Amino acid sequence: MSQLLHWHPKKVRLFLILGGFFIANALLAEFIGVKIFSLEKSLGWEGLNLSLFGQTGLGFNLTAGVLLWPVVFIMTDIINEYFGMKGVRSFSFLAAVLIAYAFGMVFFAMKLVPADFWPASAEARGIADMQLAYEAIFGQGLWIIIGSLVAFLVGQLVDVFVFHQVKVLTGEGKIWLRSTGSTLISQLIDSFVVLFIAFYIGADWSLGLVLAIGVVNYIYKFIAAIVLTPLIYAAHWAIDKYLGPELSEQMRNEAHGRNAAALV
C-alpha cells in the first residue's frame, strides 16, 4: 500500500472510491440476503411453475442479495481494468475479512441481554418479541456464512482470471466480452458453491434440489449480467473522462503489463 503515496491524486481517489463501493456492496449483499423475495410477483407477474432435476413448483424466489452481487462483479471488472489482478485480490480478501468480522460482531450483539422494555417495544406494530426478531433476521447459520464467504472468494478469483485471459487474447477491444464473459462464468460457479456448502453439506438438502435452485438463481444472474453490460461502458467512459486519456492509458497498461506495480 506504500505505492499509494507515489500515485497520481486522481488514481488514489479512484482506487479508494472503487474499493469502498466494492466492499460496501459486498457487505450489504450479505446482510440483506437473509430476505427471500419473489421476482415475478415483485414485477407484477404470475409466479412461474418450473420443473428441474425432479423438483416441481420452482420460481424465481431469490435472496435479496442478488440485487447487489451483479454490481459487485461489475465493480470487480472495473477495478481489474485499471488496477489489475492484484488490486481486485486486495479488495476481495479485505472484503472477506470485513464480512467475517461483521458476522462476528452481529453474533456477539445477539448474545447481549436485552433491556427489560425492548422485547415488547414493538408489539403495537405486530412484533411480539424484538429480541427473537433480531436473532431471526441476523442469525444466519454457520454453514450459510461459510458457504457465502467461500463462494465470494472463489467467484472473485475466477472472475479476475477469466477477465485477464480474455484481455490478453483480445487486447483493449471487446470490453463486453471480458467483463460480461468473466461475470457469467464466475456467477455460475458462485451460484452452486454457496448452495452446495450451505445447504447440501450444512442442511442435508438433496443434490437435485441444490441443482434446481442453483439453475434458477443462475438464470437470473445471467440475465442481470447481460442487462447491466451497458453500465460497464458507461463506467469506462466516466472514468476515462475523469482520468484523462494519458493517465487512463498508463493505468490500464500498468494494470495488465509485465511491470505492473504491486498494490500490497
Protein backbone atom coordinates (compact mmCIF):
# COMPACT_ATOMS: atom_id res chain seq x y z
CA MET A 1 0.00 0.00 0.00
CA SER A 2 3.03 2.28 0.25
CA GLN A 3 2.69 2.60 -3.53
CA LEU A 4 -0.32 4.87 -2.89
CA LEU A 5 2.00 7.64 -1.68
CA HIS A 6 3.59 7.86 -5.13
CA TRP A 7 0.42 7.67 -7.21
CA HIS A 8 -1.27 10.47 -9.08
CA PRO A 9 -4.01 12.00 -6.83
CA LYS A 10 -6.72 11.02 -9.33
CA LYS A 11 -5.50 7.44 -9.28
CA VAL A 12 -5.60 7.37 -5.47
CA ARG A 13 -9.12 8.83 -5.42
CA LEU A 14 -10.36 6.31 -7.97
CA PHE A 15 -8.75 3.42 -6.07
CA LEU A 16 -10.45 4.42 -2.81
CA ILE A 17 -13.84 5.15 -4.39
CA LEU A 18 -13.99 1.89 -6.36
CA GLY A 19 -12.69 -0.14 -3.42
CA GLY A 20 -15.04 1.48 -0.92
CA PHE A 21 -18.05 0.96 -3.17
CA PHE A 22 -17.00 -2.64 -3.85
CA ILE A 23 -16.65 -3.51 -0.14
CA ALA A 24 -19.84 -1.66 0.86
CA ASN A 25 -21.88 -3.59 -1.73
CA ALA A 26 -20.34 -6.92 -0.71
CA LEU A 27 -21.22 -6.29 2.95
CA LEU A 28 -24.74 -5.10 2.16
CA ALA A 29 -25.39 -8.11 -0.08
CA GLU A 30 -24.52 -10.46 2.79
CA PHE A 31 -26.91 -8.82 5.25
CA ILE A 32 -29.90 -8.11 3.02
CA GLY A 33 -29.57 -11.62 1.59
CA VAL A 34 -31.50 -13.08 4.53
CA LYS A 35 -34.74 -11.99 2.84
CA ILE A 36 -36.24 -14.25 0.16
CA PHE A 37 -38.39 -12.42 -2.39
CA SER A 38 -40.46 -13.40 -5.42
CA LEU A 39 -39.06 -11.74 -8.52
CA GLU A 40 -42.18 -12.47 -10.58
CA LYS A 41 -44.61 -11.07 -8.02
CA SER A 42 -42.39 -8.04 -7.38
CA LEU A 43 -42.72 -7.29 -11.11
CA GLY A 44 -46.49 -7.87 -11.01
CA TRP A 45 -46.30 -11.19 -12.89
CA GLU A 46 -47.82 -14.56 -12.11
CA GLY A 47 -45.46 -16.96 -10.39
CA LEU A 48 -43.72 -19.48 -12.63
CA ASN A 49 -44.04 -23.22 -12.14
CA LEU A 50 -40.78 -24.70 -13.38
CA SER A 51 -39.67 -28.31 -13.05
CA LEU A 52 -35.95 -29.15 -12.89
CA PHE A 53 -34.00 -32.18 -11.65
CA GLY A 54 -37.17 -33.76 -10.29
CA GLN A 55 -38.16 -30.62 -8.39
CA THR A 56 -41.51 -29.00 -9.17
CA GLY A 57 -43.11 -25.64 -8.43
CA LEU A 58 -39.87 -23.72 -8.88
CA GLY A 59 -39.90 -19.99 -9.48
CA PHE A 60 -37.62 -17.00 -9.12
CA ASN A 61 -37.65 -16.95 -5.32
CA LEU A 62 -34.30 -15.27 -4.72
CA THR A 63 -32.33 -13.84 -1.83
CA ALA A 64 -32.35 -10.05 -1.77
CA GLY A 65 -28.56 -10.21 -2.05
CA VAL A 66 -28.85 -10.98 -5.77
CA LEU A 67 -29.78 -7.32 -6.27
CA LEU A 68 -26.23 -6.31 -5.38
CA TRP A 69 -24.00 -9.23 -6.41
CA PRO A 70 -24.10 -8.33 -10.13
CA VAL A 71 -22.95 -4.83 -9.12
CA VAL A 72 -20.10 -6.35 -7.09
CA PHE A 73 -18.91 -8.37 -10.07
CA ILE A 74 -19.11 -5.34 -12.37
CA MET A 75 -17.03 -3.39 -9.85
CA THR A 76 -14.59 -6.31 -9.88
CA ASP A 77 -14.11 -5.95 -13.63
CA ILE A 78 -13.68 -2.16 -13.46
CA ILE A 79 -11.08 -2.46 -10.68
CA ASN A 80 -9.37 -5.17 -12.70
CA GLU A 81 -9.31 -2.92 -15.76
CA TYR A 82 -7.49 -0.05 -14.03
CA PHE A 83 -5.64 -1.72 -11.14
CA GLY A 84 -5.09 -5.27 -12.33
CA MET A 85 -5.49 -8.64 -10.62
CA LYS A 86 -3.58 -7.58 -7.53
CA GLY A 87 -5.97 -4.70 -6.96
CA VAL A 88 -9.02 -6.99 -7.14
CA ARG A 89 -7.42 -9.62 -4.92
CA SER A 90 -6.53 -6.99 -2.32
CA PHE A 91 -10.12 -5.74 -2.12
CA SER A 92 -11.60 -9.26 -2.29
CA PHE A 93 -9.60 -10.56 0.67
CA LEU A 94 -10.23 -7.34 2.60
CA ALA A 95 -13.97 -7.64 1.92
CA ALA A 96 -13.97 -11.28 3.07
CA VAL A 97 -12.19 -10.35 6.31
CA LEU A 98 -14.63 -7.48 6.95
CA ILE A 99 -17.64 -9.69 6.22
CA ALA A 100 -16.37 -12.30 8.70
CA TYR A 101 -15.70 -9.52 11.23
CA ALA A 102 -19.22 -8.12 10.72
CA PHE A 103 -20.82 -11.53 11.27
CA GLY A 104 -18.71 -11.94 14.42
CA MET A 105 -19.89 -8.61 15.81
CA VAL A 106 -23.52 -9.45 14.99
CA PHE A 107 -23.13 -12.78 16.82
CA PHE A 108 -21.89 -11.03 19.95
CA ALA A 109 -24.66 -8.41 19.65
CA MET A 110 -27.28 -11.19 19.61
CA LYS A 111 -25.83 -12.60 22.82
CA LEU A 112 -26.19 -9.31 24.71
CA VAL A 113 -29.01 -9.40 27.28
CA PRO A 114 -31.78 -7.09 26.03
CA ALA A 115 -33.15 -4.27 28.17
CA ASP A 116 -36.36 -5.26 30.01
CA PHE A 117 -38.58 -2.99 27.90
CA TRP A 118 -37.06 -3.80 24.49
CA PRO A 119 -38.54 -7.25 23.60
CA ALA A 120 -42.11 -5.88 23.83
CA SER A 121 -41.30 -2.42 22.45
CA ALA A 122 -42.82 -3.13 19.01
CA GLU A 123 -45.95 -5.03 19.99
CA ALA A 124 -48.10 -2.21 18.59
CA ARG A 125 -46.58 -2.96 15.16
CA GLY A 126 -47.32 -6.68 15.45
CA ILE A 127 -43.83 -7.76 16.56
CA ALA A 128 -44.29 -9.81 19.71
CA ASP A 129 -40.61 -10.13 20.65
CA MET A 130 -37.96 -7.79 19.22
CA GLN A 131 -35.13 -9.95 20.54
CA LEU A 132 -36.42 -13.02 18.67
CA ALA A 133 -36.99 -10.91 15.55
CA TYR A 134 -33.44 -9.55 15.79
CA GLU A 135 -32.00 -13.04 16.11
CA ALA A 136 -34.17 -14.37 13.27
CA ILE A 137 -33.04 -11.64 10.86
CA PHE A 138 -29.34 -11.51 11.70
CA GLY A 139 -28.74 -15.05 12.97
CA GLN A 140 -27.64 -16.72 9.76
CA GLY A 141 -26.37 -20.27 10.16
CA LEU A 142 -22.66 -21.05 10.27
CA TRP A 143 -22.79 -23.11 7.06
CA ILE A 144 -24.53 -20.27 5.22
CA ILE A 145 -21.81 -17.85 6.33
CA ILE A 146 -19.02 -20.26 5.34
CA GLY A 147 -20.67 -21.03 2.00
CA SER A 148 -21.20 -17.37 1.23
CA LEU A 149 -17.60 -16.42 2.01
CA VAL A 150 -16.09 -19.32 0.08
CA ALA A 151 -18.36 -18.67 -2.92
CA PHE A 152 -17.48 -14.97 -2.85
CA LEU A 153 -13.72 -15.57 -2.84
CA VAL A 154 -13.82 -18.37 -5.43
CA GLY A 155 -16.10 -16.30 -7.67
CA GLN A 156 -13.84 -13.27 -7.41
CA LEU A 157 -10.67 -15.19 -8.20
CA VAL A 158 -12.30 -16.90 -11.19
CA ASP A 159 -13.66 -13.57 -12.45
CA VAL A 160 -10.21 -11.97 -12.25
CA PHE A 161 -8.50 -14.87 -14.01
CA VAL A 162 -11.02 -15.10 -16.87
CA PHE A 163 -11.05 -11.31 -17.33
CA HIS A 164 -7.27 -11.21 -17.59
CA GLN A 165 -7.06 -14.14 -20.01
CA VAL A 166 -9.70 -12.66 -22.33
CA LYS A 167 -7.96 -9.28 -22.29
CA VAL A 168 -4.63 -10.91 -23.18
CA LEU A 169 -6.31 -12.54 -26.18
CA THR A 170 -8.41 -9.58 -27.37
CA GLY A 171 -6.43 -6.51 -26.27
CA GLU A 172 -8.21 -3.26 -25.41
CA GLY A 173 -11.25 -4.01 -27.55
CA LYS A 174 -14.29 -6.13 -26.73
CA ILE A 175 -14.89 -4.77 -23.23
CA TRP A 176 -18.23 -6.59 -23.21
CA LEU A 177 -16.56 -9.94 -23.80
CA ARG A 178 -14.05 -9.77 -20.95
CA SER A 179 -16.37 -8.05 -18.47
CA THR A 180 -19.69 -9.80 -19.11
CA GLY A 181 -17.99 -13.08 -20.03
CA SER A 182 -15.94 -13.23 -16.82
CA THR A 183 -19.04 -12.30 -14.78
CA LEU A 184 -21.14 -15.04 -16.38
CA ILE A 185 -18.52 -17.70 -15.64
CA SER A 186 -17.79 -16.54 -12.08
CA GLN A 187 -21.50 -16.21 -11.25
CA LEU A 188 -22.09 -19.75 -12.50
CA ILE A 189 -19.53 -21.07 -10.02
CA ASP A 190 -20.70 -18.74 -7.24
CA SER A 191 -24.34 -19.83 -7.61
CA PHE A 192 -23.60 -23.50 -6.99
CA VAL A 193 -20.73 -23.25 -4.48
CA VAL A 194 -22.78 -21.31 -1.93
CA LEU A 195 -25.77 -23.67 -2.23
CA PHE A 196 -23.62 -26.81 -2.10
CA ILE A 197 -21.78 -25.74 1.08
CA ALA A 198 -24.66 -24.01 2.86
CA PHE A 199 -27.46 -26.46 2.11
CA TYR A 200 -26.14 -29.73 0.64
CA ILE A 201 -23.45 -30.06 3.31
CA GLY A 202 -24.94 -27.84 6.01
CA ALA A 203 -28.66 -28.65 5.77
CA ASP A 204 -28.85 -32.09 4.07
CA TRP A 205 -30.70 -30.83 1.00
CA SER A 206 -30.88 -33.31 -1.87
CA LEU A 207 -28.47 -32.79 -4.77
CA GLY A 208 -31.45 -32.38 -7.12
CA LEU A 209 -32.87 -29.53 -5.04
CA VAL A 210 -29.49 -27.78 -4.88
CA LEU A 211 -29.01 -28.10 -8.65
CA ALA A 212 -32.56 -26.94 -9.40
CA ILE A 213 -32.33 -23.82 -7.22
CA GLY A 214 -28.82 -23.14 -8.49
CA VAL A 215 -30.03 -23.18 -12.11
CA VAL A 216 -32.93 -20.81 -11.31
CA ASN A 217 -30.57 -18.43 -9.50
CA TYR A 218 -28.10 -18.52 -12.35
CA ILE A 219 -30.78 -17.75 -14.94
CA TYR A 220 -31.48 -14.52 -13.07
CA LYS A 221 -27.78 -13.69 -12.72
CA PHE A 222 -27.18 -14.44 -16.41
CA ILE A 223 -29.96 -12.06 -17.48
CA ALA A 224 -28.80 -9.40 -14.99
CA ALA A 225 -25.21 -9.56 -16.28
CA ILE A 226 -26.37 -9.08 -19.88
CA VAL A 227 -28.74 -6.24 -19.00
CA LEU A 228 -26.06 -4.42 -16.98
CA THR A 229 -23.44 -4.60 -19.75
CA PRO A 230 -24.13 -1.00 -20.92
CA LEU A 231 -23.28 0.19 -17.40
CA ILE A 232 -19.78 -1.19 -17.86
CA TYR A 233 -19.29 1.00 -20.93
CA ALA A 234 -20.79 3.98 -19.09
CA ALA A 235 -18.39 3.44 -16.18
CA HIS A 236 -15.40 3.18 -18.53
CA TRP A 237 -16.42 6.40 -20.28
CA ALA A 238 -16.84 8.28 -16.98
CA ILE A 239 -13.54 7.03 -15.54
CA ASP A 240 -11.59 7.74 -18.73
CA LYS A 241 -13.05 11.24 -18.83
CA TYR A 242 -12.11 11.81 -15.18
CA LEU A 243 -8.56 10.47 -15.54
CA GLY A 244 -7.80 11.93 -18.95
CA PRO A 245 -6.57 9.86 -21.90
CA GLU A 246 -2.89 9.82 -20.88
CA LEU A 247 -3.36 8.71 -17.25
CA SER A 248 -6.13 6.27 -18.22
CA GLU A 249 -3.95 4.54 -20.81
CA GLN A 250 -0.99 4.47 -18.42
CA MET A 251 -3.05 2.84 -15.66
CA ARG A 252 -4.54 0.22 -17.96
CA ASN A 253 -1.11 -0.62 -19.34
CA GLU A 254 0.35 -0.92 -15.84
CA ALA A 255 -2.60 -2.98 -14.62
CA HIS A 256 -2.05 -5.65 -17.26
CA GLY A 257 1.58 -5.14 -18.21
CA ARG A 258 4.56 -7.15 -17.13
CA ASN A 259 5.88 -4.35 -14.97
CA ALA A 260 2.67 -3.54 -13.12
CA ALA A 261 3.49 -2.23 -9.64
CA ALA A 262 2.27 -4.31 -6.72
CA LEU A 263 -0.54 -2.85 -4.63
CA VAL A 264 0.36 -4.73 -1.50
